[in-house]
Amino acid sequence: MAKSQQTFNKSEREKKRLKKKKDKLAKKEERKANKESGGFESMMAYVDENGHISDTPPDPAKKKKVALDSIVIGVPKKEDVEIDPVRTGRVEFFNTTKGFGFIKETDTHEKFFVHVNGLIDTIAEGDKVSFELERGMKGMNAVRVKKI
């Protein structure tokens, strides 16, 4: 005699499939029954004057007028402050054979690269100098360097 092809797992899967189908049909019928009471209007949400979400529309009397010119989008522009381009500092390091060095500014204690092409006077380590800054490939470079 042949063994039955219906196993326990197969029958359990079939029961689950039928239960899922039945639940789906029940949900569909429930949605149809509640269609008239709900709808789009029941899903609407409003933001009141305090920024809280509510289900009632805001009162038009409390509406505030905003001038379009008062709305600023982006970063506000900086005021043009004229800064003296000439800075002072001390030569921290300078290699005359390679033609470059570093100047430490006296105010901010930042170090700036200086190349021999940016020199007006010859400089050595420890000299006080005045210079201007210019954007280089890897940062700010000291140019038009003069001994003080």
N, C-alpha and C. Protein backbone atom coordinates (compact mmCIF):
# COMPACT_ATOMS: atom_id res chain seq x y z
N MET A 1 0.81 -1.17 0.00
CA MET A 1 0.00 0.00 0.00
C MET A 1 0.86 1.25 0.00
N ALA A 2 0.36 2.24 -0.68
CA ALA A 2 1.08 3.51 -0.79
C ALA A 2 0.79 4.39 0.41
N LYS A 3 1.79 5.12 0.80
CA LYS A 3 1.67 6.02 1.93
C LYS A 3 0.95 7.29 1.50
N SER A 4 0.24 7.93 2.39
CA SER A 4 -0.48 9.16 2.09
C SER A 4 0.51 10.29 1.78
N GLN A 5 0.23 11.09 0.77
CA GLN A 5 1.10 12.20 0.38
C GLN A 5 0.89 13.43 1.26
N GLN A 6 -0.18 13.45 2.01
CA GLN A 6 -0.48 14.60 2.88
C GLN A 6 0.31 14.44 4.18
N THR A 7 1.32 15.30 4.39
CA THR A 7 2.14 15.25 5.61
C THR A 7 1.65 16.32 6.58
N PHE A 8 2.19 16.28 7.79
CA PHE A 8 1.80 17.24 8.82
C PHE A 8 2.17 18.67 8.39
N ASN A 9 3.38 18.85 7.86
CA ASN A 9 3.82 20.19 7.43
C ASN A 9 2.94 20.73 6.33
N LYS A 10 2.59 19.88 5.38
CA LYS A 10 1.74 20.33 4.27
C LYS A 10 0.38 20.77 4.78
N SER A 11 -0.20 20.02 5.68
CA SER A 11 -1.53 20.38 6.19
C SER A 11 -1.46 21.66 7.03
N GLU A 12 -0.38 21.86 7.78
CA GLU A 12 -0.21 23.08 8.57
C GLU A 12 -0.08 24.29 7.65
N ARG A 13 0.71 24.17 6.60
CA ARG A 13 0.87 25.27 5.63
C ARG A 13 -0.44 25.61 4.97
N GLU A 14 -1.23 24.60 4.66
CA GLU A 14 -2.53 24.82 4.03
C GLU A 14 -3.48 25.53 5.00
N LYS A 15 -3.44 25.17 6.28
CA LYS A 15 -4.27 25.83 7.28
C LYS A 15 -3.88 27.31 7.41
N LYS A 16 -2.57 27.58 7.45
CA LYS A 16 -2.08 28.96 7.57
C LYS A 16 -2.51 29.78 6.36
N ARG A 17 -2.42 29.19 5.16
CA ARG A 17 -2.79 29.89 3.93
C ARG A 17 -4.28 30.23 3.94
N LEU A 18 -5.12 29.29 4.34
CA LEU A 18 -6.55 29.52 4.40
C LEU A 18 -6.91 30.57 5.46
N LYS A 19 -6.21 30.55 6.62
CA LYS A 19 -6.46 31.53 7.68
C LYS A 19 -6.08 32.92 7.20
N LYS A 20 -4.95 33.03 6.49
CA LYS A 20 -4.49 34.32 5.97
C LYS A 20 -5.49 34.88 4.97
N LYS A 21 -6.00 34.00 4.12
CA LYS A 21 -6.99 34.42 3.12
C LYS A 21 -8.27 34.89 3.79
N LYS A 22 -8.68 34.18 4.84
CA LYS A 22 -9.90 34.53 5.57
C LYS A 22 -9.73 35.88 6.27
N ASP A 23 -8.56 36.12 6.90
CA ASP A 23 -8.28 37.40 7.57
C ASP A 23 -8.28 38.55 6.57
N LYS A 24 -7.72 38.31 5.40
CA LYS A 24 -7.67 39.34 4.37
C LYS A 24 -9.08 39.71 3.92
N LEU A 25 -9.93 38.74 3.73
CA LEU A 25 -11.32 38.99 3.35
C LEU A 25 -12.06 39.76 4.44
N ALA A 26 -11.80 39.41 5.71
CA ALA A 26 -12.46 40.09 6.83
C ALA A 26 -12.04 41.57 6.88
N LYS A 27 -10.76 41.85 6.66
CA LYS A 27 -10.27 43.24 6.64
C LYS A 27 -10.89 44.02 5.50
N LYS A 28 -11.03 43.35 4.35
CA LYS A 28 -11.62 44.01 3.18
C LYS A 28 -13.07 44.40 3.48
N GLU A 29 -13.82 43.48 4.09
CA GLU A 29 -15.21 43.75 4.43
C GLU A 29 -15.31 44.88 5.47
N GLU A 30 -14.40 44.89 6.41
CA GLU A 30 -14.39 45.94 7.44
C GLU A 30 -14.12 47.31 6.81
N ARG A 31 -13.18 47.37 5.87
CA ARG A 31 -12.89 48.63 5.18
C ARG A 31 -14.10 49.12 4.41
N LYS A 32 -14.81 48.19 3.76
CA LYS A 32 -16.01 48.57 3.01
C LYS A 32 -17.07 49.13 3.94
N ALA A 33 -17.23 48.53 5.11
CA ALA A 33 -18.24 48.98 6.08
C ALA A 33 -17.89 50.35 6.65
N ASN A 34 -16.62 50.63 6.86
CA ASN A 34 -16.19 51.90 7.45
C ASN A 34 -15.87 52.97 6.41
N LYS A 35 -16.11 52.68 5.17
CA LYS A 35 -15.77 53.61 4.09
C LYS A 35 -16.52 54.92 4.23
N GLU A 36 -17.79 54.85 4.56
CA GLU A 36 -18.60 56.06 4.64
C GLU A 36 -18.26 56.90 5.86
N SER A 37 -17.83 56.28 6.95
CA SER A 37 -17.52 57.06 8.16
C SER A 37 -16.13 57.69 8.09
N GLY A 38 -15.21 57.09 7.40
CA GLY A 38 -13.83 57.58 7.33
C GLY A 38 -13.58 58.31 6.02
N GLY A 39 -12.51 57.99 5.40
CA GLY A 39 -12.15 58.61 4.14
C GLY A 39 -11.00 59.58 4.29
N PHE A 40 -10.86 60.43 3.30
CA PHE A 40 -9.75 61.37 3.25
C PHE A 40 -9.81 62.40 4.36
N GLU A 41 -10.99 62.89 4.65
CA GLU A 41 -11.14 63.93 5.68
C GLU A 41 -10.72 63.44 7.06
N SER A 42 -10.94 62.17 7.36
CA SER A 42 -10.55 61.66 8.67
C SER A 42 -9.04 61.50 8.79
N MET A 43 -8.35 61.49 7.67
CA MET A 43 -6.90 61.34 7.70
C MET A 43 -6.16 62.67 7.68
N MET A 44 -6.85 63.78 7.54
CA MET A 44 -6.22 65.09 7.46
C MET A 44 -5.64 65.49 8.81
N ALA A 45 -4.48 66.15 8.78
CA ALA A 45 -3.86 66.69 9.99
C ALA A 45 -3.49 68.13 9.70
N TYR A 46 -3.63 68.97 10.70
CA TYR A 46 -3.34 70.40 10.56
C TYR A 46 -2.28 70.80 11.57
N VAL A 47 -1.61 71.89 11.28
CA VAL A 47 -0.63 72.45 12.21
C VAL A 47 -1.20 73.77 12.71
N ASP A 48 -1.33 73.90 14.05
CA ASP A 48 -1.90 75.13 14.61
C ASP A 48 -0.83 76.23 14.71
N GLU A 49 -1.23 77.38 15.27
CA GLU A 49 -0.32 78.54 15.33
C GLU A 49 0.88 78.31 16.23
N ASN A 50 0.83 77.32 17.11
CA ASN A 50 1.95 77.01 18.00
C ASN A 50 2.86 75.92 17.44
N GLY A 51 2.49 75.40 16.27
CA GLY A 51 3.31 74.36 15.65
C GLY A 51 2.94 72.95 16.06
N HIS A 52 1.81 72.77 16.76
CA HIS A 52 1.36 71.45 17.18
C HIS A 52 0.41 70.86 16.14
N ILE A 53 0.46 69.55 15.96
CA ILE A 53 -0.41 68.86 15.00
C ILE A 53 -1.75 68.60 15.66
N SER A 54 -2.84 68.94 14.95
CA SER A 54 -4.19 68.71 15.48
C SER A 54 -5.09 68.23 14.34
N ASP A 55 -6.29 67.77 14.72
CA ASP A 55 -7.23 67.28 13.71
C ASP A 55 -8.23 68.34 13.28
N THR A 56 -8.18 69.53 13.90
CA THR A 56 -9.09 70.61 13.52
C THR A 56 -8.32 71.66 12.73
N PRO A 57 -8.94 72.23 11.71
CA PRO A 57 -8.23 73.24 10.92
C PRO A 57 -7.94 74.49 11.75
N PRO A 58 -6.85 75.21 11.43
CA PRO A 58 -6.51 76.40 12.20
C PRO A 58 -7.51 77.52 11.98
N ASP A 59 -7.62 78.41 12.98
CA ASP A 59 -8.53 79.55 12.92
C ASP A 59 -7.93 80.61 11.99
N PRO A 60 -8.65 81.01 10.91
CA PRO A 60 -8.09 82.00 9.99
C PRO A 60 -7.88 83.37 10.62
N ALA A 61 -8.56 83.66 11.73
CA ALA A 61 -8.40 84.96 12.40
C ALA A 61 -7.02 85.07 13.05
N LYS A 62 -6.43 83.96 13.42
CA LYS A 62 -5.12 83.97 14.07
C LYS A 62 -3.97 83.91 13.07
N LYS A 63 -4.28 83.96 11.80
CA LYS A 63 -3.27 83.87 10.75
C LYS A 63 -2.40 85.12 10.75
N LYS A 64 -1.10 84.97 10.65
CA LYS A 64 -0.17 86.10 10.65
C LYS A 64 0.33 86.34 9.23
N LYS A 65 0.46 87.60 8.86
CA LYS A 65 1.01 87.99 7.56
C LYS A 65 2.52 88.13 7.71
N VAL A 66 3.25 87.55 6.77
CA VAL A 66 4.71 87.62 6.79
C VAL A 66 5.15 88.27 5.49
N ALA A 67 5.98 89.30 5.59
CA ALA A 67 6.50 89.96 4.40
C ALA A 67 7.56 89.07 3.76
N LEU A 68 7.50 88.95 2.44
CA LEU A 68 8.44 88.09 1.74
C LEU A 68 9.88 88.59 1.87
N ASP A 69 10.05 89.90 1.99
CA ASP A 69 11.39 90.45 2.10
C ASP A 69 12.06 90.09 3.43
N SER A 70 11.27 89.79 4.45
CA SER A 70 11.84 89.48 5.76
C SER A 70 12.37 88.04 5.84
N ILE A 71 12.02 87.20 4.87
CA ILE A 71 12.48 85.82 4.88
C ILE A 71 13.87 85.77 4.28
N VAL A 72 14.83 85.25 5.06
CA VAL A 72 16.21 85.14 4.60
C VAL A 72 16.52 83.67 4.35
N ILE A 73 16.89 83.39 3.12
CA ILE A 73 17.26 82.02 2.76
C ILE A 73 18.77 81.99 2.58
N GLY A 74 19.43 81.12 3.30
CA GLY A 74 20.88 81.00 3.19
C GLY A 74 21.59 81.74 4.30
N VAL A 75 22.86 81.93 4.09
CA VAL A 75 23.71 82.57 5.10
C VAL A 75 23.69 84.07 4.88
N PRO A 76 23.45 84.87 5.92
CA PRO A 76 23.45 86.31 5.72
C PRO A 76 24.84 86.80 5.32
N LYS A 77 24.85 87.84 4.49
CA LYS A 77 26.12 88.37 4.01
C LYS A 77 26.86 89.06 5.14
N LYS A 78 28.18 88.91 5.12
CA LYS A 78 29.00 89.56 6.13
C LYS A 78 29.18 91.02 5.75
N GLU A 79 29.32 91.84 6.77
CA GLU A 79 29.60 93.24 6.51
C GLU A 79 31.05 93.35 6.03
N ASP A 80 31.28 94.25 5.11
CA ASP A 80 32.63 94.45 4.60
C ASP A 80 33.44 95.21 5.63
N VAL A 81 34.33 94.50 6.29
CA VAL A 81 35.22 95.11 7.25
C VAL A 81 36.59 95.18 6.60
N GLU A 82 37.13 96.37 6.51
CA GLU A 82 38.41 96.53 5.84
C GLU A 82 39.52 96.11 6.80
N ILE A 83 40.28 95.13 6.39
CA ILE A 83 41.37 94.60 7.20
C ILE A 83 42.68 95.00 6.53
N ASP A 84 43.62 95.42 7.35
CA ASP A 84 44.93 95.80 6.81
C ASP A 84 45.58 94.55 6.23
N PRO A 85 45.90 94.55 4.93
CA PRO A 85 46.47 93.35 4.33
C PRO A 85 47.90 93.06 4.77
N VAL A 86 48.59 94.08 5.28
CA VAL A 86 49.98 93.88 5.70
C VAL A 86 50.00 93.36 7.13
N ARG A 87 50.67 92.25 7.32
CA ARG A 87 50.77 91.61 8.63
C ARG A 87 52.23 91.58 9.06
N THR A 88 52.44 91.37 10.34
CA THR A 88 53.82 91.29 10.84
C THR A 88 54.03 89.94 11.49
N GLY A 89 55.30 89.52 11.50
CA GLY A 89 55.62 88.24 12.10
C GLY A 89 57.12 88.05 12.23
N ARG A 90 57.49 86.84 12.64
CA ARG A 90 58.90 86.51 12.83
C ARG A 90 59.19 85.26 12.01
N VAL A 91 60.34 85.21 11.40
CA VAL A 91 60.75 84.06 10.58
C VAL A 91 61.12 82.93 11.53
N GLU A 92 60.36 81.84 11.50
CA GLU A 92 60.60 80.68 12.36
C GLU A 92 61.67 79.78 11.77
N PHE A 93 61.59 79.58 10.46
CA PHE A 93 62.52 78.69 9.78
C PHE A 93 62.70 79.19 8.36
N PHE A 94 63.92 79.19 7.86
CA PHE A 94 64.15 79.53 6.46
C PHE A 94 65.39 78.80 5.97
N ASN A 95 65.24 78.02 4.90
CA ASN A 95 66.32 77.27 4.30
C ASN A 95 66.72 77.99 3.01
N THR A 96 67.89 78.62 3.02
CA THR A 96 68.32 79.42 1.85
C THR A 96 68.69 78.52 0.68
N THR A 97 69.18 77.31 0.93
CA THR A 97 69.56 76.43 -0.19
C THR A 97 68.34 75.90 -0.93
N LYS A 98 67.27 75.61 -0.21
CA LYS A 98 66.04 75.12 -0.85
C LYS A 98 65.09 76.25 -1.22
N GLY A 99 65.23 77.42 -0.58
CA GLY A 99 64.45 78.58 -0.96
C GLY A 99 63.05 78.66 -0.39
N PHE A 100 62.82 78.09 0.80
CA PHE A 100 61.50 78.21 1.43
C PHE A 100 61.66 78.27 2.93
N GLY A 101 60.57 78.65 3.60
CA GLY A 101 60.58 78.71 5.06
C GLY A 101 59.18 78.96 5.59
N PHE A 102 59.13 79.32 6.89
CA PHE A 102 57.84 79.56 7.53
C PHE A 102 57.94 80.82 8.39
N ILE A 103 56.85 81.60 8.36
CA ILE A 103 56.76 82.82 9.15
C ILE A 103 55.62 82.64 10.14
N LYS A 104 55.87 82.99 11.42
CA LYS A 104 54.85 82.91 12.46
C LYS A 104 54.32 84.32 12.71
N GLU A 105 53.01 84.50 12.52
CA GLU A 105 52.40 85.82 12.71
C GLU A 105 52.38 86.17 14.19
N THR A 106 52.64 87.44 14.50
CA THR A 106 52.72 87.85 15.91
C THR A 106 51.36 87.89 16.58
N ASP A 107 50.29 88.25 15.86
CA ASP A 107 48.96 88.37 16.49
C ASP A 107 48.30 87.02 16.73
N THR A 108 48.22 86.21 15.71
CA THR A 108 47.47 84.95 15.81
C THR A 108 48.35 83.74 16.05
N HIS A 109 49.65 83.88 15.95
CA HIS A 109 50.62 82.78 16.12
C HIS A 109 50.40 81.67 15.09
N GLU A 110 49.86 82.02 13.92
CA GLU A 110 49.72 81.05 12.83
C GLU A 110 50.98 81.05 12.01
N LYS A 111 51.31 79.89 11.45
CA LYS A 111 52.50 79.77 10.61
C LYS A 111 52.07 79.78 9.15
N PHE A 112 52.82 80.53 8.34
CA PHE A 112 52.53 80.62 6.91
C PHE A 112 53.79 80.26 6.13
N PHE A 113 53.58 79.57 5.04
CA PHE A 113 54.67 79.16 4.15
C PHE A 113 55.16 80.38 3.37
N VAL A 114 56.47 80.47 3.19
CA VAL A 114 57.05 81.55 2.38
C VAL A 114 58.06 80.93 1.41
N HIS A 115 58.02 81.38 0.16
CA HIS A 115 58.95 80.90 -0.86
C HIS A 115 59.87 82.04 -1.24
N VAL A 116 61.02 81.71 -1.75
CA VAL A 116 62.01 82.72 -2.11
C VAL A 116 61.47 83.67 -3.18
N ASN A 117 60.53 83.21 -4.00
CA ASN A 117 59.93 84.07 -5.03
C ASN A 117 59.05 85.15 -4.43
N GLY A 118 58.59 84.96 -3.19
CA GLY A 118 57.72 85.94 -2.52
C GLY A 118 58.48 86.94 -1.67
N LEU A 119 59.80 86.93 -1.74
CA LEU A 119 60.62 87.82 -0.91
C LEU A 119 60.96 89.11 -1.66
N ILE A 120 60.95 90.23 -0.91
CA ILE A 120 61.44 91.50 -1.45
C ILE A 120 62.86 91.72 -0.92
N ASP A 121 63.08 91.49 0.39
CA ASP A 121 64.40 91.57 1.01
C ASP A 121 64.86 90.17 1.35
N THR A 122 66.17 90.00 1.54
CA THR A 122 66.68 88.70 1.99
C THR A 122 66.39 88.58 3.47
N ILE A 123 65.99 87.38 3.89
CA ILE A 123 65.62 87.17 5.29
C ILE A 123 66.40 86.00 5.86
N ALA A 124 66.43 85.94 7.19
CA ALA A 124 67.08 84.84 7.90
C ALA A 124 66.19 84.48 9.10
N GLU A 125 66.50 83.38 9.74
CA GLU A 125 65.71 82.94 10.90
C GLU A 125 65.80 83.97 12.02
N GLY A 126 64.66 84.28 12.64
CA GLY A 126 64.60 85.21 13.75
C GLY A 126 64.33 86.65 13.33
N ASP A 127 64.32 86.97 12.03
CA ASP A 127 64.07 88.34 11.57
C ASP A 127 62.60 88.69 11.74
N LYS A 128 62.33 89.96 12.09
CA LYS A 128 60.96 90.47 12.10
C LYS A 128 60.65 90.94 10.69
N VAL A 129 59.48 90.53 10.19
CA VAL A 129 59.12 90.84 8.80
C VAL A 129 57.68 91.32 8.72
N SER A 130 57.37 92.02 7.63
CA SER A 130 55.99 92.35 7.28
C SER A 130 55.69 91.62 5.99
N PHE A 131 54.44 91.14 5.87
CA PHE A 131 54.09 90.32 4.70
C PHE A 131 52.60 90.43 4.41
N GLU A 132 52.21 89.95 3.25
CA GLU A 132 50.81 89.83 2.87
C GLU A 132 50.52 88.36 2.60
N LEU A 133 49.24 88.01 2.66
CA LEU A 133 48.85 86.61 2.44
C LEU A 133 48.21 86.43 1.08
N GLU A 134 48.44 85.27 0.51
CA GLU A 134 47.87 84.90 -0.78
C GLU A 134 47.55 83.41 -0.74
N ARG A 135 46.43 83.02 -1.34
CA ARG A 135 46.05 81.60 -1.33
C ARG A 135 46.97 80.84 -2.28
N GLY A 136 47.54 79.75 -1.75
CA GLY A 136 48.41 78.89 -2.54
C GLY A 136 47.76 77.54 -2.77
N MET A 137 48.54 76.60 -3.26
CA MET A 137 48.01 75.26 -3.56
C MET A 137 47.58 74.51 -2.30
N LYS A 138 48.33 74.67 -1.21
CA LYS A 138 48.03 73.91 0.01
C LYS A 138 47.64 74.80 1.18
N GLY A 139 47.30 76.05 0.93
CA GLY A 139 46.91 76.94 2.02
C GLY A 139 47.40 78.35 1.75
N MET A 140 47.47 79.13 2.81
CA MET A 140 47.86 80.53 2.67
C MET A 140 49.39 80.64 2.65
N ASN A 141 49.89 81.47 1.71
CA ASN A 141 51.32 81.70 1.56
C ASN A 141 51.63 83.15 1.85
N ALA A 142 52.79 83.40 2.47
CA ALA A 142 53.26 84.76 2.72
C ALA A 142 53.95 85.27 1.44
N VAL A 143 53.54 86.45 0.97
CA VAL A 143 54.16 87.06 -0.22
C VAL A 143 54.52 88.50 0.11
N ARG A 144 55.33 89.11 -0.74
CA ARG A 144 55.80 90.48 -0.56
C ARG A 144 56.37 90.68 0.85
N VAL A 145 57.32 89.79 1.20
CA VAL A 145 57.91 89.77 2.53
C VAL A 145 59.06 90.78 2.59
N LYS A 146 59.00 91.71 3.58
CA LYS A 146 60.04 92.73 3.80
C LYS A 146 60.53 92.63 5.22
N LYS A 147 61.81 92.92 5.40
CA LYS A 147 62.39 92.99 6.75
C LYS A 147 61.96 94.28 7.41
N ILE A 148 61.67 94.23 8.71
CA ILE A 148 61.30 95.44 9.46
C ILE A 148 62.54 95.96 10.16
